[in-house]
PDB file of N, CA and C in Angstrom:
ATOM      1  N   UNK A   1     -31.985  63.742   9.386  1.00  0.00           N
ATOM      2  CA  UNK A   1     -31.452  64.090   8.114  1.00  0.00           C
ATOM      3  C   UNK A   1     -30.343  63.133   7.686  1.00  0.00           C
ATOM      4  N   UNK A   2     -29.857  62.349   8.545  1.00  0.00           N
ATOM      5  CA  UNK A   2     -28.772  61.436   8.247  1.00  0.00           C
ATOM      6  C   UNK A   2     -29.224  60.205   7.501  1.00  0.00           C
ATOM      7  N   UNK A   3     -30.483  59.835   7.659  1.00  0.00           N
ATOM      8  CA  UNK A   3     -30.960  58.606   7.027  1.00  0.00           C
ATOM      9  C   UNK A   3     -31.189  58.796   5.534  1.00  0.00           C
ATOM     10  N   UNK A   4     -31.647  59.954   5.144  1.00  0.00           N
ATOM     11  CA  UNK A   4     -31.953  60.199   3.733  1.00  0.00           C
ATOM     12  C   UNK A   4     -30.702  60.156   2.858  1.00  0.00           C
ATOM     13  N   UNK A   5     -29.610  60.815   3.258  1.00  0.00           N
ATOM     14  CA  UNK A   5     -28.414  60.743   2.414  1.00  0.00           C
ATOM     15  C   UNK A   5     -27.849  59.323   2.331  1.00  0.00           C
ATOM     16  N   UNK A   6     -27.920  58.573   3.452  1.00  0.00           N
ATOM     17  CA  UNK A   6     -27.437  57.190   3.411  1.00  0.00           C
ATOM     18  C   UNK A   6     -28.297  56.347   2.485  1.00  0.00           C
ATOM     19  N   UNK A   7     -29.585  56.589   2.515  1.00  0.00           N
ATOM     20  CA  UNK A   7     -30.495  55.841   1.653  1.00  0.00           C
ATOM     21  C   UNK A   7     -30.238  56.178   0.180  1.00  0.00           C
ATOM     22  N   UNK A   8     -29.991  57.440  -0.103  1.00  0.00           N
ATOM     23  CA  UNK A   8     -29.693  57.859  -1.475  1.00  0.00           C
ATOM     24  C   UNK A   8     -28.381  57.242  -1.944  1.00  0.00           C
ATOM     25  N   UNK A   9     -27.391  57.167  -1.064  1.00  0.00           N
ATOM     26  CA  UNK A   9     -26.104  56.569  -1.419  1.00  0.00           C
ATOM     27  C   UNK A   9     -26.269  55.069  -1.675  1.00  0.00           C
ATOM     28  N   UNK A  10     -27.086  54.410  -0.875  1.00  0.00           N
ATOM     29  CA  UNK A  10     -27.329  52.983  -1.063  1.00  0.00           C
ATOM     30  C   UNK A  10     -28.045  52.726  -2.389  1.00  0.00           C
ATOM     31  N   UNK A  11     -28.982  53.583  -2.713  1.00  0.00           N
ATOM     32  CA  UNK A  11     -29.703  53.444  -3.988  1.00  0.00           C
ATOM     33  C   UNK A  11     -28.747  53.666  -5.157  1.00  0.00           C
ATOM     34  N   UNK A  12     -27.870  54.657  -5.031  1.00  0.00           N
ATOM     35  CA  UNK A  12     -26.896  54.931  -6.092  1.00  0.00           C
ATOM     36  C   UNK A  12     -25.930  53.756  -6.252  1.00  0.00           C
ATOM     37  N   UNK A  13     -25.498  53.185  -5.122  1.00  0.00           N
ATOM     38  CA  UNK A  13     -24.592  52.037  -5.186  1.00  0.00           C
ATOM     39  C   UNK A  13     -25.297  50.838  -5.816  1.00  0.00           C
ATOM     40  N   UNK A  14     -26.551  50.634  -5.466  1.00  0.00           N
ATOM     41  CA  UNK A  14     -27.318  49.536  -6.054  1.00  0.00           C
ATOM     42  C   UNK A  14     -27.485  49.740  -7.556  1.00  0.00           C
ATOM     43  N   UNK A  15     -27.752  50.959  -7.958  1.00  0.00           N
ATOM     44  CA  UNK A  15     -27.912  51.259  -9.379  1.00  0.00           C
ATOM     45  C   UNK A  15     -26.602  51.011 -10.122  1.00  0.00           C
ATOM     46  N   UNK A  16     -25.489  51.379  -9.503  1.00  0.00           N
ATOM     47  CA  UNK A  16     -24.188  51.153 -10.131  1.00  0.00           C
ATOM     48  C   UNK A  16     -23.919  49.652 -10.276  1.00  0.00           C
ATOM     49  N   UNK A  17     -24.252  48.872  -9.256  1.00  0.00           N
ATOM     50  CA  UNK A  17     -24.080  47.425  -9.332  1.00  0.00           C
ATOM     51  C   UNK A  17     -24.957  46.819 -10.423  1.00  0.00           C
ATOM     52  N   UNK A  18     -26.165  47.326 -10.538  1.00  0.00           N
ATOM     53  CA  UNK A  18     -27.068  46.828 -11.581  1.00  0.00           C
ATOM     54  C   UNK A  18     -26.475  47.103 -12.962  1.00  0.00           C
ATOM     55  N   UNK A  19     -25.923  48.295 -13.139  1.00  0.00           N
ATOM     56  CA  UNK A  19     -25.307  48.642 -14.422  1.00  0.00           C
ATOM     57  C   UNK A  19     -24.115  47.726 -14.706  1.00  0.00           C
ATOM     58  N   UNK A  20     -23.276  47.496 -13.694  1.00  0.00           N
ATOM     59  CA  UNK A  20     -22.098  46.644 -13.873  1.00  0.00           C
ATOM     60  C   UNK A  20     -22.520  45.218 -14.210  1.00  0.00           C
ATOM     61  N   UNK A  21     -23.460  44.675 -13.456  1.00  0.00           N
ATOM     62  CA  UNK A  21     -23.907  43.305 -13.714  1.00  0.00           C
ATOM     63  C   UNK A  21     -24.587  43.176 -15.074  1.00  0.00           C
ATOM     64  N   UNK A  22     -25.359  44.176 -15.451  1.00  0.00           N
ATOM     65  CA  UNK A  22     -26.005  44.156 -16.765  1.00  0.00           C
ATOM     66  C   UNK A  22     -24.948  44.138 -17.869  1.00  0.00           C
ATOM     67  N   UNK A  23     -23.915  44.956 -17.699  1.00  0.00           N
ATOM     68  CA  UNK A  23     -22.828  44.989 -18.677  1.00  0.00           C
ATOM     69  C   UNK A  23     -22.125  43.629 -18.747  1.00  0.00           C
ATOM     70  N   UNK A  24     -21.884  43.016 -17.601  1.00  0.00           N
ATOM     71  CA  UNK A  24     -21.236  41.703 -17.570  1.00  0.00           C
ATOM     72  C   UNK A  24     -22.095  40.651 -18.266  1.00  0.00           C
ATOM     73  N   UNK A  25     -23.395  40.707 -18.043  1.00  0.00           N
ATOM     74  CA  UNK A  25     -24.306  39.747 -18.678  1.00  0.00           C
ATOM     75  C   UNK A  25     -24.308  39.945 -20.194  1.00  0.00           C
ATOM     76  N   UNK A  26     -24.349  41.193 -20.647  1.00  0.00           N
ATOM     77  CA  UNK A  26     -24.331  41.464 -22.081  1.00  0.00           C
ATOM     78  C   UNK A  26     -23.036  40.964 -22.720  1.00  0.00           C
ATOM     79  N   UNK A  27     -21.910  41.184 -22.041  1.00  0.00           N
ATOM     80  CA  UNK A  27     -20.628  40.715 -22.590  1.00  0.00           C
ATOM     81  C   UNK A  27     -20.577  39.197 -22.644  1.00  0.00           C
ATOM     82  N   UNK A  28     -21.075  38.533 -21.613  1.00  0.00           N
ATOM     83  CA  UNK A  28     -21.095  37.067 -21.604  1.00  0.00           C
ATOM     84  C   UNK A  28     -21.985  36.540 -22.727  1.00  0.00           C
ATOM     85  N   UNK A  29     -23.122  37.193 -22.937  1.00  0.00           N
ATOM     86  CA  UNK A  29     -24.022  36.776 -24.016  1.00  0.00           C
ATOM     87  C   UNK A  29     -23.360  36.978 -25.380  1.00  0.00           C
ATOM     88  N   UNK A  30     -22.636  38.075 -25.541  1.00  0.00           N
ATOM     89  CA  UNK A  30     -21.944  38.329 -26.808  1.00  0.00           C
ATOM     90  C   UNK A  30     -20.857  37.288 -27.051  1.00  0.00           C
ATOM     91  N   UNK A  31     -20.109  36.926 -26.004  1.00  0.00           N
ATOM     92  CA  UNK A  31     -19.084  35.886 -26.153  1.00  0.00           C
ATOM     93  C   UNK A  31     -19.715  34.547 -26.507  1.00  0.00           C
ATOM     94  N   UNK A  32     -20.825  34.227 -25.862  1.00  0.00           N
ATOM     95  CA  UNK A  32     -21.505  32.960 -26.154  1.00  0.00           C
ATOM     96  C   UNK A  32     -22.013  32.942 -27.594  1.00  0.00           C
ATOM     97  N   UNK A  33     -22.534  34.056 -28.060  1.00  0.00           N
ATOM     98  CA  UNK A  33     -23.023  34.136 -29.434  1.00  0.00           C
ATOM     99  C   UNK A  33     -21.878  33.985 -30.435  1.00  0.00           C
ATOM    100  N   UNK A  34     -20.745  34.598 -30.144  1.00  0.00           N
ATOM    101  CA  UNK A  34     -19.576  34.467 -31.013  1.00  0.00           C
ATOM    102  C   UNK A  34     -19.091  33.023 -31.046  1.00  0.00           C
ATOM    103  N   UNK A  35     -19.033  32.389 -29.885  1.00  0.00           N
ATOM    104  CA  UNK A  35     -18.601  30.987 -29.820  1.00  0.00           C
ATOM    105  C   UNK A  35     -19.581  30.085 -30.565  1.00  0.00           C
ATOM    106  N   UNK A  36     -20.868  30.364 -30.429  1.00  0.00           N
ATOM    107  CA  UNK A  36     -21.882  29.560 -31.123  1.00  0.00           C
ATOM    108  C   UNK A  36     -21.745  29.724 -32.629  1.00  0.00           C
ATOM    109  N   UNK A  37     -21.499  30.930 -33.090  1.00  0.00           N
ATOM    110  CA  UNK A  37     -21.336  31.168 -34.529  1.00  0.00           C
ATOM    111  C   UNK A  37     -20.112  30.440 -35.070  1.00  0.00           C
ATOM    112  N   UNK A  38     -19.020  30.468 -34.323  1.00  0.00           N
ATOM    113  CA  UNK A  38     -17.807  29.772 -34.754  1.00  0.00           C
ATOM    114  C   UNK A  38     -18.030  28.262 -34.781  1.00  0.00           C
ATOM    115  N   UNK A  39     -18.696  27.740 -33.768  1.00  0.00           N
ATOM    116  CA  UNK A  39     -18.973  26.298 -33.726  1.00  0.00           C
ATOM    117  C   UNK A  39     -19.900  25.890 -34.865  1.00  0.00           C
ATOM    118  N   UNK A  40     -20.877  26.721 -35.175  1.00  0.00           N
ATOM    119  CA  UNK A  40     -21.793  26.427 -36.281  1.00  0.00           C
ATOM    120  C   UNK A  40     -21.037  26.409 -37.616  1.00  0.00           C
ATOM    121  N   UNK A  41     -20.160  27.380 -37.824  1.00  0.00           N
ATOM    122  CA  UNK A  41     -19.386  27.426 -39.069  1.00  0.00           C
ATOM    123  C   UNK A  41     -18.485  26.199 -39.189  1.00  0.00           C
ATOM    124  N   UNK A  42     -17.870  25.801 -38.081  1.00  0.00           N
ATOM    125  CA  UNK A  42     -17.009  24.614 -38.098  1.00  0.00           C
ATOM    126  C   UNK A  42     -17.828  23.358 -38.395  1.00  0.00           C
ATOM    127  N   UNK A  43     -19.005  23.251 -37.808  1.00  0.00           N
ATOM    128  CA  UNK A  43     -19.859  22.084 -38.045  1.00  0.00           C
ATOM    129  C   UNK A  43     -20.342  22.048 -39.494  1.00  0.00           C
ATOM    130  N   UNK A  44     -20.672  23.206 -40.056  1.00  0.00           N
ATOM    131  CA  UNK A  44     -21.112  23.249 -41.448  1.00  0.00           C
ATOM    132  C   UNK A  44     -19.976  22.863 -42.396  1.00  0.00           C
ATOM    133  N   UNK A  45     -18.751  23.292 -42.089  1.00  0.00           N
ATOM    134  CA  UNK A  45     -17.601  22.915 -42.921  1.00  0.00           C
ATOM    135  C   UNK A  45     -17.351  21.410 -42.841  1.00  0.00           C
ATOM    136  N   UNK A  46     -17.458  20.857 -41.646  1.00  0.00           N
ATOM    137  CA  UNK A  46     -17.269  19.408 -41.487  1.00  0.00           C
ATOM    138  C   UNK A  46     -18.365  18.643 -42.220  1.00  0.00           C
ATOM    139  N   UNK A  47     -19.590  19.149 -42.173  1.00  0.00           N
ATOM    140  CA  UNK A  47     -20.696  18.491 -42.867  1.00  0.00           C
ATOM    141  C   UNK A  47     -20.491  18.535 -44.379  1.00  0.00           C
ATOM    142  N   UNK A  48     -20.001  19.665 -44.883  1.00  0.00           N
ATOM    143  CA  UNK A  48     -19.742  19.774 -46.324  1.00  0.00           C
ATOM    144  C   UNK A  48     -18.635  18.815 -46.752  1.00  0.00           C
ATOM    145  N   UNK A  49     -17.588  18.694 -45.935  1.00  0.00           N
ATOM    146  CA  UNK A  49     -16.503  17.761 -46.258  1.00  0.00           C
ATOM    147  C   UNK A  49     -17.009  16.322 -46.235  1.00  0.00           C
ATOM    148  N   UNK A  50     -17.845  15.998 -45.258  1.00  0.00           N
ATOM    149  CA  UNK A  50     -18.402  14.644 -45.173  1.00  0.00           C
ATOM    150  C   UNK A  50     -19.281  14.359 -46.381  1.00  0.00           C
ATOM    151  N   UNK A  51     -20.103  15.309 -46.762  1.00  0.00           N
ATOM    152  CA  UNK A  51     -20.988  15.115 -47.912  1.00  0.00           C
ATOM    153  C   UNK A  51     -20.188  14.914 -49.196  1.00  0.00           C
ATOM    154  N   UNK A  52     -19.123  15.686 -49.364  1.00  0.00           N
ATOM    155  CA  UNK A  52     -18.284  15.531 -50.555  1.00  0.00           C
ATOM    156  C   UNK A  52     -17.619  14.158 -50.568  1.00  0.00           C
ATOM    157  N   UNK A  53     -17.141  13.712 -49.418  1.00  0.00           N
ATOM    158  CA  UNK A  53     -16.503  12.394 -49.332  1.00  0.00           C
ATOM    159  C   UNK A  53     -17.501  11.286 -49.644  1.00  0.00           C
ATOM    160  N   UNK A  54     -18.694  11.361 -49.064  1.00  0.00           N
ATOM    161  CA  UNK A  54     -19.706  10.328 -49.299  1.00  0.00           C
ATOM    162  C   UNK A  54     -20.119  10.316 -50.766  1.00  0.00           C
ATOM    163  N   UNK A  55     -20.245  11.483 -51.374  1.00  0.00           N
ATOM    164  CA  UNK A  55     -20.607  11.544 -52.792  1.00  0.00           C
ATOM    165  C   UNK A  55     -19.524  10.911 -53.657  1.00  0.00           C
ATOM    166  N   UNK A  56     -18.255  11.170 -53.340  1.00  0.00           N
ATOM    167  CA  UNK A  56     -17.160  10.601 -54.109  1.00  0.00           C
ATOM    168  C   UNK A  56     -17.122   9.084 -53.948  1.00  0.00           C
ATOM    169  N   UNK A  57     -17.270   8.594 -52.732  1.00  0.00           N
ATOM    170  CA  UNK A  57     -17.246   7.148 -52.495  1.00  0.00           C
ATOM    171  C   UNK A  57     -18.436   6.490 -53.185  1.00  0.00           C
ATOM    172  N   UNK A  58     -19.596   7.107 -53.104  1.00  0.00           N
ATOM    173  CA  UNK A  58     -20.788   6.567 -53.749  1.00  0.00           C
ATOM    174  C   UNK A  58     -20.589   6.483 -55.257  1.00  0.00           C
ATOM    175  N   UNK A  59     -20.006   7.516 -55.839  1.00  0.00           N
ATOM    176  CA  UNK A  59     -19.752   7.513 -57.282  1.00  0.00           C
ATOM    177  C   UNK A  59     -18.769   6.406 -57.647  1.00  0.00           C
ATOM    178  N   UNK A  60     -17.720   6.252 -56.855  1.00  0.00           N
ATOM    179  CA  UNK A  60     -16.723   5.218 -57.145  1.00  0.00           C
ATOM    180  C   UNK A  60     -17.310   3.821 -57.003  1.00  0.00           C
ATOM    181  N   UNK A  61     -18.238   3.632 -56.087  1.00  0.00           N
ATOM    182  CA  UNK A  61     -18.866   2.322 -55.944  1.00  0.00           C
ATOM    183  C   UNK A  61     -19.771   2.007 -57.131  1.00  0.00           C
ATOM    184  N   UNK A  62     -20.441   3.035 -57.651  1.00  0.00           N
ATOM    185  CA  UNK A  62     -21.326   2.818 -58.797  1.00  0.00           C
ATOM    186  C   UNK A  62     -20.544   2.686 -60.091  1.00  0.00           C
ATOM    187  N   UNK A  63     -19.539   3.512 -60.286  1.00  0.00           N
ATOM    188  CA  UNK A  63     -18.751   3.513 -61.518  1.00  0.00           C
ATOM    189  C   UNK A  63     -17.279   3.522 -61.145  1.00  0.00           C
ATOM    190  N   UNK A  64     -16.687   2.347 -60.965  1.00  0.00           N
ATOM    191  CA  UNK A  64     -15.284   2.304 -60.542  1.00  0.00           C
ATOM    192  C   UNK A  64     -14.360   2.916 -61.586  1.00  0.00           C
ATOM    193  N   UNK A  65     -13.230   3.354 -61.136  1.00  0.00           N
ATOM    194  CA  UNK A  65     -12.226   3.916 -62.051  1.00  0.00           C
ATOM    195  C   UNK A  65     -11.723   2.826 -62.974  1.00  0.00           C
ATOM    196  N   UNK A  66     -10.997   3.223 -63.999  1.00  0.00           N
ATOM    197  CA  UNK A  66     -10.441   2.255 -64.949  1.00  0.00           C
ATOM    198  C   UNK A  66      -9.534   1.289 -64.196  1.00  0.00           C
ATOM    199  N   UNK A  67      -9.430   0.058 -64.678  1.00  0.00           N
ATOM    200  CA  UNK A  67      -8.548  -0.908 -64.012  1.00  0.00           C
ATOM    201  C   UNK A  67      -7.111  -0.392 -63.980  1.00  0.00           C
ATOM    202  N   UNK A  68      -6.324  -0.885 -63.047  1.00  0.00           N
ATOM    203  CA  UNK A  68      -4.965  -0.373 -62.909  1.00  0.00           C
ATOM    204  C   UNK A  68      -4.062  -0.816 -64.056  1.00  0.00           C
ATOM    205  N   UNK A  69      -4.307  -1.996 -64.673  1.00  0.00           N
ATOM    206  CA  UNK A  69      -3.511  -2.437 -65.827  1.00  0.00           C
ATOM    207  C   UNK A  69      -4.462  -2.850 -66.947  1.00  0.00           C
ATOM    208  N   UNK A  70      -4.930  -1.904 -67.723  1.00  0.00           N
ATOM    209  CA  UNK A  70      -5.883  -2.237 -68.787  1.00  0.00           C
ATOM    210  C   UNK A  70      -5.209  -3.038 -69.893  1.00  0.00           C
ATOM    211  N   UNK A  71      -5.969  -3.945 -70.486  1.00  0.00           N
ATOM    212  CA  UNK A  71      -5.468  -4.744 -71.608  1.00  0.00           C
ATOM    213  C   UNK A  71      -5.374  -3.849 -72.831  1.00  0.00           C
ATOM    214  N   UNK A  72      -4.342  -4.056 -73.648  1.00  0.00           N
ATOM    215  CA  UNK A  72      -4.248  -3.230 -74.855  1.00  0.00           C
ATOM    216  C   UNK A  72      -5.400  -3.556 -75.801  1.00  0.00           C
ATOM    217  N   UNK A  73      -5.893  -2.549 -76.457  1.00  0.00           N
ATOM    218  CA  UNK A  73      -7.013  -2.788 -77.370  1.00  0.00           C
ATOM    219  C   UNK A  73      -6.481  -3.403 -78.659  1.00  0.00           C
ATOM    220  N   UNK A  74      -7.160  -4.447 -79.125  1.00  0.00           N
ATOM    221  CA  UNK A  74      -6.771  -5.147 -80.357  1.00  0.00           C
ATOM    222  C   UNK A  74      -7.955  -5.144 -81.312  1.00  0.00           C
ATOM    223  N   UNK A  75      -7.661  -5.161 -82.575  1.00  0.00           N
ATOM    224  CA  UNK A  75      -8.781  -5.275 -83.520  1.00  0.00           C
ATOM    225  C   UNK A  75      -9.390  -6.671 -83.434  1.00  0.00           C
ATOM    226  N   UNK A  76     -10.645  -6.766 -83.721  1.00  0.00           N
ATOM    227  CA  UNK A  76     -11.347  -8.043 -83.632  1.00  0.00           C
ATOM    228  C   UNK A  76     -10.971  -8.988 -84.777  1.00  0.00           C
ATOM    229  N   UNK A  77     -10.457  -8.489 -85.880  1.00  0.00           N
ATOM    230  CA  UNK A  77     -10.094  -9.348 -87.018  1.00  0.00           C
ATOM    231  C   UNK A  77      -8.621  -9.693 -86.938  1.00  0.00           C
ATOM    232  N   UNK A  78      -8.285 -10.855 -87.415  1.00  0.00           N
ATOM    233  CA  UNK A  78      -6.875 -11.262 -87.420  1.00  0.00           C
ATOM    234  C   UNK A  78      -6.295 -11.011 -88.805  1.00  0.00           C
ATOM    235  N   UNK A  79      -4.982 -10.953 -88.888  1.00  0.00           N
ATOM    236  CA  UNK A  79      -4.318 -10.663 -90.159  1.00  0.00           C
ATOM    237  C   UNK A  79      -4.341 -11.873 -91.089  1.00  0.00           C
ATOM    238  N   UNK A  80      -4.189 -13.065 -90.551  1.00  0.00           N
ATOM    239  CA  UNK A  80      -4.145 -14.271 -91.392  1.00  0.00           C
ATOM    240  C   UNK A  80      -5.504 -14.946 -91.364  1.00  0.00           C
ATOM    241  N   UNK A  81      -5.994 -15.419 -92.528  1.00  0.00           N
ATOM    242  CA  UNK A  81      -7.281 -16.120 -92.536  1.00  0.00           C
ATOM    243  C   UNK A  81      -7.156 -17.487 -91.880  1.00  0.00           C
ATOM    244  N   UNK A  82      -8.223 -17.926 -91.284  1.00  0.00           N
ATOM    245  CA  UNK A  82      -8.242 -19.243 -90.641  1.00  0.00           C
ATOM    246  C   UNK A  82      -8.331 -20.336 -91.699  1.00  0.00           C
ATOM    247  N   UNK A  83      -7.865 -21.490 -91.305  1.00  0.00           N
ATOM    248  CA  UNK A  83      -7.958 -22.637 -92.215  1.00  0.00           C
ATOM    249  C   UNK A  83      -9.412 -23.035 -92.351  1.00  0.00           C
ATOM    250  N   UNK A  84      -9.852 -23.257 -93.527  1.00  0.00           N
ATOM    251  CA  UNK A  84     -11.221 -23.672 -93.774  1.00  0.00           C
ATOM    252  C   UNK A  84     -12.191 -22.533 -93.931  1.00  0.00           C
ATOM    253  N   UNK A  85     -11.743 -21.311 -93.775  1.00  0.00           N
ATOM    254  CA  UNK A  85     -12.664 -20.189 -93.944  1.00  0.00           C
ATOM    255  C   UNK A  85     -12.594 -19.709 -95.387  1.00  0.00           C
ATOM    256  N   UNK A  86     -13.687 -19.219 -95.911  1.00  0.00           N
ATOM    257  CA  UNK A  86     -13.670 -18.756 -97.304  1.00  0.00           C
ATOM    258  C   UNK A  86     -12.795 -17.520 -97.446  1.00  0.00           C
ATOM    259  N   UNK A  87     -12.077 -17.454 -98.508  1.00  0.00           N
ATOM    260  CA  UNK A  87     -11.235 -16.295 -98.779  1.00  0.00           C
ATOM    261  C   UNK A  87     -11.733 -15.604-100.026  1.00  0.00           C
ATOM    262  N   UNK A  88     -11.580 -14.346-100.074  1.00  0.00           N
ATOM    263  CA  UNK A  88     -12.018 -13.616-101.263  1.00  0.00           C
ATOM    264  C   UNK A  88     -10.798 -13.265-102.090  1.00  0.00           C
ATOM    265  N   UNK A  89     -10.732 -13.776-103.312  1.00  0.00           N
ATOM    266  CA  UNK A  89      -9.633 -13.473-104.230  1.00  0.00           C
ATOM    267  C   UNK A  89     -10.145 -13.037-105.552  1.00  0.00           C
TER     268      UNK A  89
END
């Protein structure tokens, strides 16, 4: 009669260990999933920033900004008539 209770206790201890290890595995998987989600979000943010930068640089290469010291705009006609040009009077 002594072997049966010991065997039952061993089975109960094994079952308890299985439950503990299963719980540990589930927690580790949950932590890994959380870390993966955070890493994915960080990578997507970095990719969006890179895409915005490349788009801005590409636009600037195609259509540069105004020159830093633009020439003042002048009318194409002059106030005084040139010598030898016909005048209307």
